[in-house]
Amino acid sequence: MSLADTQPESCPPPRDSGDGGVARDLAGQRVLIVEDDPYIAVALEDLLAEQGLVVAGVARSLAAALRLAAQADIDLALLDVNLGTEKIDPVAEALAARGRPFIFTTGCGRAGLPENFADAPLVEKPFYIEEIIGALRAAAAARPR
């Protein structure tokens, strides 16, 4: 399912892998969502919660994202590269300083990523929930314990 033009009321249920949930191995992981498009933010929030992840916060502005990145109890984060006219760079820096893995989401490709994080995980828009789950799974597996 694509989240490109998704509105909350039109979200079909996620695909089931037959074991009760696509992301059973991520159940309970606390994820921060930083996304300025309200439809994508709500769709991500709903879909990730349906997959067993705990949405620790949703930020649609740089100020809110910085506050959550510094203070929220999170395991992983999804970061939209552009929040209106603001860049996500300081949020990525804050998460990196806390040792919290993150995945960038953008329609601009790698060229739009912050210079310090040019090789960071990226899911390009429009994306499917399975791509997001796969990226979160990889980030969780690579996280230092």
N, C-alpha and C. Protein backbone atom coordinates (compact mmCIF):
# COMPACT_ATOMS: atom_id res chain seq x y z
N MET A 1 0.85 -1.16 0.00
CA MET A 1 0.00 0.00 0.00
C MET A 1 0.89 1.22 0.00
N SER A 2 0.57 2.18 -0.80
CA SER A 2 1.38 3.38 -0.91
C SER A 2 0.82 4.46 0.00
N LEU A 3 1.71 5.20 0.62
CA LEU A 3 1.30 6.29 1.49
C LEU A 3 1.41 7.63 0.78
N ALA A 4 1.65 7.63 -0.52
CA ALA A 4 1.87 8.86 -1.25
C ALA A 4 0.68 9.81 -1.17
N ASP A 5 -0.49 9.32 -1.44
CA ASP A 5 -1.68 10.16 -1.45
C ASP A 5 -2.73 9.65 -0.48
N THR A 6 -2.30 9.00 0.59
CA THR A 6 -3.22 8.37 1.52
C THR A 6 -3.86 9.40 2.43
N GLN A 7 -5.16 9.25 2.59
CA GLN A 7 -5.88 10.01 3.60
C GLN A 7 -6.26 9.02 4.68
N PRO A 8 -6.31 9.43 5.93
CA PRO A 8 -6.52 8.49 7.02
C PRO A 8 -7.74 7.60 6.85
N GLU A 9 -8.86 8.14 6.39
CA GLU A 9 -10.06 7.35 6.28
C GLU A 9 -10.02 6.35 5.13
N SER A 10 -9.03 6.43 4.26
CA SER A 10 -8.97 5.52 3.12
C SER A 10 -7.90 4.45 3.27
N CYS A 11 -7.31 4.33 4.45
CA CYS A 11 -6.22 3.37 4.64
C CYS A 11 -6.77 1.96 4.79
N PRO A 12 -6.41 1.06 3.86
CA PRO A 12 -6.80 -0.33 4.05
C PRO A 12 -5.91 -0.96 5.12
N PRO A 13 -6.33 -2.09 5.68
CA PRO A 13 -5.50 -2.71 6.70
C PRO A 13 -4.20 -3.22 6.10
N PRO A 14 -3.15 -3.34 6.92
CA PRO A 14 -1.87 -3.81 6.41
C PRO A 14 -1.96 -5.27 5.99
N ARG A 15 -1.05 -5.67 5.12
CA ARG A 15 -0.97 -7.07 4.71
C ARG A 15 -0.46 -7.89 5.87
N ASP A 16 -1.02 -9.05 6.03
CA ASP A 16 -0.65 -9.94 7.12
C ASP A 16 0.25 -11.04 6.58
N SER A 17 1.31 -11.33 7.29
CA SER A 17 2.24 -12.37 6.86
C SER A 17 1.78 -13.76 7.30
N GLY A 18 0.62 -13.84 7.97
CA GLY A 18 0.11 -15.12 8.41
C GLY A 18 0.47 -15.45 9.85
N ASP A 19 1.35 -14.68 10.46
CA ASP A 19 1.73 -14.96 11.84
C ASP A 19 1.13 -13.95 12.81
N GLY A 20 0.12 -13.22 12.35
CA GLY A 20 -0.55 -12.26 13.21
C GLY A 20 -0.05 -10.85 13.06
N GLY A 21 0.98 -10.60 12.27
CA GLY A 21 1.46 -9.23 12.09
C GLY A 21 2.72 -9.20 11.25
N VAL A 22 2.79 -8.24 10.37
CA VAL A 22 3.94 -8.10 9.49
C VAL A 22 5.19 -7.79 10.29
N ALA A 23 5.05 -7.01 11.34
CA ALA A 23 6.22 -6.52 12.08
C ALA A 23 6.29 -7.06 13.50
N ARG A 24 5.92 -8.31 13.68
CA ARG A 24 5.91 -8.91 15.02
C ARG A 24 7.25 -8.71 15.73
N ASP A 25 8.36 -8.80 15.00
CA ASP A 25 9.68 -8.64 15.60
C ASP A 25 9.96 -7.21 16.05
N LEU A 26 9.15 -6.26 15.60
CA LEU A 26 9.32 -4.86 16.01
C LEU A 26 8.32 -4.46 17.10
N ALA A 27 7.47 -5.39 17.50
CA ALA A 27 6.43 -5.07 18.48
C ALA A 27 7.05 -4.45 19.72
N GLY A 28 6.46 -3.34 20.13
CA GLY A 28 6.91 -2.63 21.32
C GLY A 28 8.00 -1.61 21.09
N GLN A 29 8.61 -1.62 19.91
CA GLN A 29 9.63 -0.61 19.61
C GLN A 29 8.96 0.77 19.57
N ARG A 30 9.59 1.73 20.21
CA ARG A 30 9.03 3.10 20.27
C ARG A 30 9.62 3.91 19.12
N VAL A 31 8.73 4.42 18.27
CA VAL A 31 9.17 5.14 17.08
C VAL A 31 8.68 6.59 17.10
N LEU A 32 9.57 7.47 16.70
CA LEU A 32 9.25 8.88 16.52
C LEU A 32 9.00 9.10 15.04
N ILE A 33 7.90 9.76 14.71
CA ILE A 33 7.56 10.10 13.32
C ILE A 33 7.70 11.60 13.17
N VAL A 34 8.54 12.03 12.23
CA VAL A 34 8.66 13.44 11.91
C VAL A 34 8.25 13.59 10.44
N GLU A 35 7.10 14.19 10.24
CA GLU A 35 6.51 14.31 8.90
C GLU A 35 5.59 15.52 8.88
N ASP A 36 5.82 16.44 7.94
CA ASP A 36 5.00 17.65 7.91
C ASP A 36 3.69 17.49 7.15
N ASP A 37 3.56 16.47 6.33
CA ASP A 37 2.30 16.23 5.62
C ASP A 37 1.35 15.52 6.58
N PRO A 38 0.24 16.16 6.95
CA PRO A 38 -0.63 15.57 7.96
C PRO A 38 -1.23 14.22 7.54
N TYR A 39 -1.51 14.03 6.26
CA TYR A 39 -2.08 12.76 5.81
C TYR A 39 -1.06 11.62 5.94
N ILE A 40 0.17 11.89 5.54
CA ILE A 40 1.21 10.86 5.64
C ILE A 40 1.51 10.59 7.11
N ALA A 41 1.57 11.63 7.93
CA ALA A 41 1.85 11.45 9.36
C ALA A 41 0.79 10.58 10.03
N VAL A 42 -0.47 10.87 9.78
CA VAL A 42 -1.55 10.09 10.39
C VAL A 42 -1.55 8.66 9.86
N ALA A 43 -1.33 8.50 8.56
CA ALA A 43 -1.29 7.15 7.98
C ALA A 43 -0.15 6.34 8.58
N LEU A 44 1.03 6.94 8.70
CA LEU A 44 2.16 6.24 9.31
C LEU A 44 1.85 5.88 10.76
N GLU A 45 1.31 6.82 11.49
CA GLU A 45 0.99 6.58 12.89
C GLU A 45 0.04 5.38 13.03
N ASP A 46 -1.02 5.37 12.25
CA ASP A 46 -2.00 4.29 12.31
C ASP A 46 -1.40 2.96 11.87
N LEU A 47 -0.70 2.96 10.74
CA LEU A 47 -0.15 1.72 10.20
C LEU A 47 0.93 1.12 11.09
N LEU A 48 1.79 1.96 11.65
CA LEU A 48 2.83 1.44 12.53
C LEU A 48 2.23 0.89 13.82
N ALA A 49 1.23 1.58 14.35
CA ALA A 49 0.55 1.08 15.56
C ALA A 49 -0.13 -0.26 15.27
N GLU A 50 -0.74 -0.39 14.10
CA GLU A 50 -1.37 -1.66 13.71
C GLU A 50 -0.36 -2.79 13.62
N GLN A 51 0.89 -2.45 13.35
CA GLN A 51 1.95 -3.45 13.22
C GLN A 51 2.62 -3.76 14.55
N GLY A 52 2.16 -3.13 15.63
CA GLY A 52 2.68 -3.44 16.95
C GLY A 52 3.74 -2.49 17.47
N LEU A 53 4.12 -1.49 16.66
CA LEU A 53 5.07 -0.50 17.15
C LEU A 53 4.34 0.51 18.02
N VAL A 54 5.07 1.14 18.91
CA VAL A 54 4.50 2.18 19.77
C VAL A 54 4.94 3.52 19.20
N VAL A 55 3.98 4.35 18.84
CA VAL A 55 4.31 5.67 18.32
C VAL A 55 4.57 6.57 19.52
N ALA A 56 5.84 6.90 19.72
CA ALA A 56 6.27 7.68 20.88
C ALA A 56 6.03 9.17 20.69
N GLY A 57 5.80 9.58 19.46
CA GLY A 57 5.54 10.98 19.17
C GLY A 57 5.46 11.22 17.69
N VAL A 58 4.70 12.25 17.33
CA VAL A 58 4.59 12.69 15.95
C VAL A 58 4.87 14.18 15.94
N ALA A 59 5.83 14.59 15.12
CA ALA A 59 6.19 16.00 15.01
C ALA A 59 5.99 16.45 13.58
N ARG A 60 5.39 17.61 13.41
CA ARG A 60 5.18 18.16 12.07
C ARG A 60 5.98 19.44 11.84
N SER A 61 6.76 19.83 12.86
CA SER A 61 7.60 21.02 12.74
C SER A 61 8.99 20.71 13.29
N LEU A 62 9.95 21.51 12.91
CA LEU A 62 11.31 21.32 13.38
C LEU A 62 11.39 21.50 14.89
N ALA A 63 10.73 22.51 15.43
CA ALA A 63 10.78 22.75 16.88
C ALA A 63 10.24 21.56 17.66
N ALA A 64 9.09 21.04 17.24
CA ALA A 64 8.51 19.87 17.92
C ALA A 64 9.40 18.65 17.77
N ALA A 65 9.98 18.46 16.59
CA ALA A 65 10.87 17.33 16.35
C ALA A 65 12.11 17.40 17.23
N LEU A 66 12.69 18.58 17.36
CA LEU A 66 13.87 18.76 18.21
C LEU A 66 13.56 18.44 19.67
N ARG A 67 12.41 18.90 20.13
CA ARG A 67 12.00 18.65 21.51
C ARG A 67 11.85 17.14 21.75
N LEU A 68 11.16 16.45 20.84
CA LEU A 68 10.97 15.01 20.99
C LEU A 68 12.28 14.24 20.84
N ALA A 69 13.11 14.65 19.90
CA ALA A 69 14.39 13.96 19.67
C ALA A 69 15.28 14.05 20.90
N ALA A 70 15.18 15.13 21.64
CA ALA A 70 16.02 15.33 22.82
C ALA A 70 15.45 14.67 24.07
N GLN A 71 14.11 14.55 24.16
CA GLN A 71 13.50 14.15 25.41
C GLN A 71 12.69 12.87 25.39
N ALA A 72 12.13 12.50 24.24
CA ALA A 72 11.21 11.36 24.19
C ALA A 72 11.95 10.04 24.37
N ASP A 73 11.27 9.09 24.94
CA ASP A 73 11.79 7.74 25.11
C ASP A 73 11.52 6.99 23.80
N ILE A 74 12.52 6.96 22.91
CA ILE A 74 12.34 6.37 21.58
C ILE A 74 13.45 5.37 21.28
N ASP A 75 13.10 4.43 20.40
CA ASP A 75 14.07 3.44 19.93
C ASP A 75 14.51 3.73 18.51
N LEU A 76 13.59 4.24 17.68
CA LEU A 76 13.82 4.46 16.25
C LEU A 76 13.08 5.73 15.83
N ALA A 77 13.46 6.27 14.66
CA ALA A 77 12.76 7.45 14.17
C ALA A 77 12.67 7.42 12.65
N LEU A 78 11.58 7.96 12.15
CA LEU A 78 11.38 8.22 10.72
C LEU A 78 11.42 9.73 10.55
N LEU A 79 12.33 10.21 9.71
CA LEU A 79 12.54 11.65 9.56
C LEU A 79 12.30 12.11 8.13
N ASP A 80 11.29 12.91 7.93
CA ASP A 80 11.08 13.59 6.64
C ASP A 80 12.21 14.61 6.52
N VAL A 81 12.88 14.60 5.39
CA VAL A 81 14.06 15.47 5.20
C VAL A 81 13.70 16.95 5.19
N ASN A 82 12.57 17.29 4.59
CA ASN A 82 12.15 18.69 4.49
C ASN A 82 10.85 18.89 5.25
N LEU A 83 10.91 19.78 6.24
CA LEU A 83 9.71 20.15 6.99
C LEU A 83 9.34 21.56 6.57
N GLY A 84 8.52 21.65 5.53
CA GLY A 84 8.25 22.96 4.95
C GLY A 84 9.53 23.51 4.37
N THR A 85 9.96 24.65 4.87
CA THR A 85 11.20 25.26 4.38
C THR A 85 12.40 24.91 5.25
N GLU A 86 12.17 24.13 6.32
CA GLU A 86 13.24 23.78 7.25
C GLU A 86 13.80 22.40 6.94
N LYS A 87 15.08 22.24 7.18
CA LYS A 87 15.76 20.96 6.98
C LYS A 87 15.83 20.18 8.30
N ILE A 88 15.85 18.89 8.21
CA ILE A 88 15.81 17.99 9.36
C ILE A 88 17.17 17.82 10.05
N ASP A 89 18.21 18.40 9.51
CA ASP A 89 19.59 18.20 9.98
C ASP A 89 19.76 18.23 11.50
N PRO A 90 19.25 19.27 12.22
CA PRO A 90 19.49 19.30 13.67
C PRO A 90 18.82 18.14 14.41
N VAL A 91 17.72 17.64 13.89
CA VAL A 91 17.05 16.51 14.52
C VAL A 91 17.89 15.25 14.35
N ALA A 92 18.42 15.05 13.14
CA ALA A 92 19.29 13.90 12.89
C ALA A 92 20.52 13.97 13.80
N GLU A 93 21.09 15.15 13.96
CA GLU A 93 22.24 15.32 14.85
C GLU A 93 21.89 14.96 16.29
N ALA A 94 20.73 15.41 16.76
CA ALA A 94 20.30 15.13 18.13
C ALA A 94 20.09 13.64 18.34
N LEU A 95 19.47 12.98 17.39
CA LEU A 95 19.24 11.54 17.52
C LEU A 95 20.56 10.77 17.47
N ALA A 96 21.44 11.17 16.58
CA ALA A 96 22.75 10.51 16.49
C ALA A 96 23.51 10.66 17.80
N ALA A 97 23.44 11.84 18.42
CA ALA A 97 24.12 12.07 19.69
C ALA A 97 23.57 11.17 20.79
N ARG A 98 22.28 10.83 20.70
CA ARG A 98 21.66 9.94 21.69
C ARG A 98 21.81 8.47 21.32
N GLY A 99 22.40 8.20 20.15
CA GLY A 99 22.55 6.81 19.71
C GLY A 99 21.26 6.17 19.25
N ARG A 100 20.33 6.99 18.77
CA ARG A 100 19.04 6.48 18.30
C ARG A 100 19.05 6.39 16.77
N PRO A 101 18.82 5.21 16.22
CA PRO A 101 18.82 5.06 14.77
C PRO A 101 17.61 5.74 14.13
N PHE A 102 17.80 6.20 12.91
CA PHE A 102 16.72 6.86 12.19
C PHE A 102 16.80 6.52 10.71
N ILE A 103 15.67 6.70 10.06
CA ILE A 103 15.55 6.49 8.62
C ILE A 103 15.00 7.78 8.04
N PHE A 104 15.63 8.27 7.00
CA PHE A 104 15.12 9.44 6.31
C PHE A 104 14.03 9.02 5.32
N THR A 105 13.03 9.88 5.16
CA THR A 105 12.03 9.72 4.11
C THR A 105 12.03 11.00 3.28
N THR A 106 12.04 10.85 1.97
CA THR A 106 12.06 12.03 1.10
C THR A 106 11.70 11.63 -0.32
N GLY A 107 11.23 12.58 -1.06
CA GLY A 107 10.99 12.39 -2.49
C GLY A 107 12.14 12.93 -3.31
N CYS A 108 13.18 13.41 -2.66
CA CYS A 108 14.31 14.06 -3.35
C CYS A 108 15.51 13.15 -3.55
N GLY A 109 15.47 11.93 -3.08
CA GLY A 109 16.61 11.03 -3.21
C GLY A 109 17.75 11.41 -2.28
N ARG A 110 18.87 10.75 -2.45
CA ARG A 110 20.03 10.98 -1.59
C ARG A 110 20.58 12.39 -1.69
N ALA A 111 20.36 13.06 -2.80
CA ALA A 111 20.88 14.42 -2.98
C ALA A 111 20.32 15.38 -1.93
N GLY A 112 19.14 15.09 -1.38
CA GLY A 112 18.52 15.97 -0.40
C GLY A 112 18.90 15.68 1.04
N LEU A 113 19.68 14.61 1.28
CA LEU A 113 20.03 14.25 2.66
C LEU A 113 21.04 15.23 3.26
N PRO A 114 21.00 15.38 4.59
CA PRO A 114 22.01 16.21 5.24
C PRO A 114 23.40 15.67 4.91
N GLU A 115 24.34 16.57 4.70
CA GLU A 115 25.69 16.19 4.30
C GLU A 115 26.34 15.19 5.26
N ASN A 116 26.16 15.38 6.56
CA ASN A 116 26.75 14.48 7.55
C ASN A 116 26.13 13.10 7.56
N PHE A 117 25.00 12.95 6.89
CA PHE A 117 24.28 11.68 6.91
C PHE A 117 23.97 11.19 5.49
N ALA A 118 24.88 11.46 4.59
CA ALA A 118 24.66 11.12 3.17
C ALA A 118 24.48 9.62 2.95
N ASP A 119 25.01 8.79 3.84
CA ASP A 119 24.90 7.34 3.69
C ASP A 119 23.87 6.71 4.63
N ALA A 120 23.07 7.54 5.29
CA ALA A 120 22.07 7.04 6.23
C ALA A 120 20.96 6.29 5.49
N PRO A 121 20.25 5.42 6.22
CA PRO A 121 19.12 4.71 5.59
C PRO A 121 18.09 5.69 5.05
N LEU A 122 17.53 5.34 3.89
CA LEU A 122 16.60 6.22 3.20
C LEU A 122 15.47 5.39 2.59
N VAL A 123 14.25 5.87 2.74
CA VAL A 123 13.10 5.31 2.03
C VAL A 123 12.52 6.46 1.22
N GLU A 124 12.49 6.27 -0.09
CA GLU A 124 12.01 7.34 -0.97
C GLU A 124 10.50 7.34 -1.09
N LYS A 125 9.93 8.54 -1.10
CA LYS A 125 8.50 8.73 -1.31
C LYS A 125 8.22 8.71 -2.81
N PRO A 126 7.09 8.20 -3.21
CA PRO A 126 6.08 7.51 -2.39
C PRO A 126 6.59 6.14 -1.98
N PHE A 127 6.21 5.72 -0.78
CA PHE A 127 6.68 4.45 -0.27
C PHE A 127 5.51 3.56 0.13
N TYR A 128 5.83 2.30 0.34
CA TYR A 128 4.88 1.31 0.82
C TYR A 128 5.22 1.00 2.26
N ILE A 129 4.22 0.61 3.04
CA ILE A 129 4.45 0.31 4.45
C ILE A 129 5.49 -0.78 4.61
N GLU A 130 5.53 -1.74 3.69
CA GLU A 130 6.52 -2.81 3.78
C GLU A 130 7.95 -2.27 3.68
N GLU A 131 8.14 -1.21 2.90
CA GLU A 131 9.47 -0.58 2.81
C GLU A 131 9.85 0.07 4.14
N ILE A 132 8.89 0.73 4.76
CA ILE A 132 9.13 1.38 6.05
C ILE A 132 9.45 0.32 7.10
N ILE A 133 8.66 -0.74 7.14
CA ILE A 133 8.89 -1.81 8.12
C ILE A 133 10.27 -2.43 7.90
N GLY A 134 10.62 -2.69 6.64
CA GLY A 134 11.94 -3.26 6.35
C GLY A 134 13.07 -2.36 6.81
N ALA A 135 12.93 -1.06 6.59
CA ALA A 135 13.96 -0.10 7.02
C ALA A 135 14.03 -0.03 8.54
N LEU A 136 12.88 -0.02 9.21
CA LEU A 136 12.87 0.00 10.67
C LEU A 136 13.49 -1.28 11.23
N ARG A 137 13.18 -2.40 10.61
CA ARG A 137 13.73 -3.70 11.03
C ARG A 137 15.26 -3.68 10.92
N ALA A 138 15.77 -3.18 9.79
CA ALA A 138 17.23 -3.10 9.58
C ALA A 138 17.88 -2.16 10.59
N ALA A 139 17.24 -1.02 10.86
CA ALA A 139 17.79 -0.06 11.81
C ALA A 139 17.81 -0.64 13.22
N ALA A 140 16.75 -1.34 13.59
CA ALA A 140 16.70 -1.96 14.92
C ALA A 140 17.77 -3.04 15.07
N ALA A 141 17.99 -3.81 14.01
CA ALA A 141 18.99 -4.88 14.06
C ALA A 141 20.41 -4.32 14.14
N ALA A 142 20.64 -3.15 13.55
CA ALA A 142 21.98 -2.55 13.52
C ALA A 142 22.26 -1.69 14.75
N ARG A 143 21.24 -1.45 15.56
CA ARG A 143 21.40 -0.58 16.73
C ARG A 143 22.36 -1.21 17.73
N PRO A 144 23.32 -0.45 18.22
CA PRO A 144 24.23 -0.98 19.25
C PRO A 144 23.44 -1.33 20.51
N ARG A 145 23.79 -2.42 21.13
CA ARG A 145 23.07 -2.86 22.35
C ARG A 145 23.84 -2.48 23.58
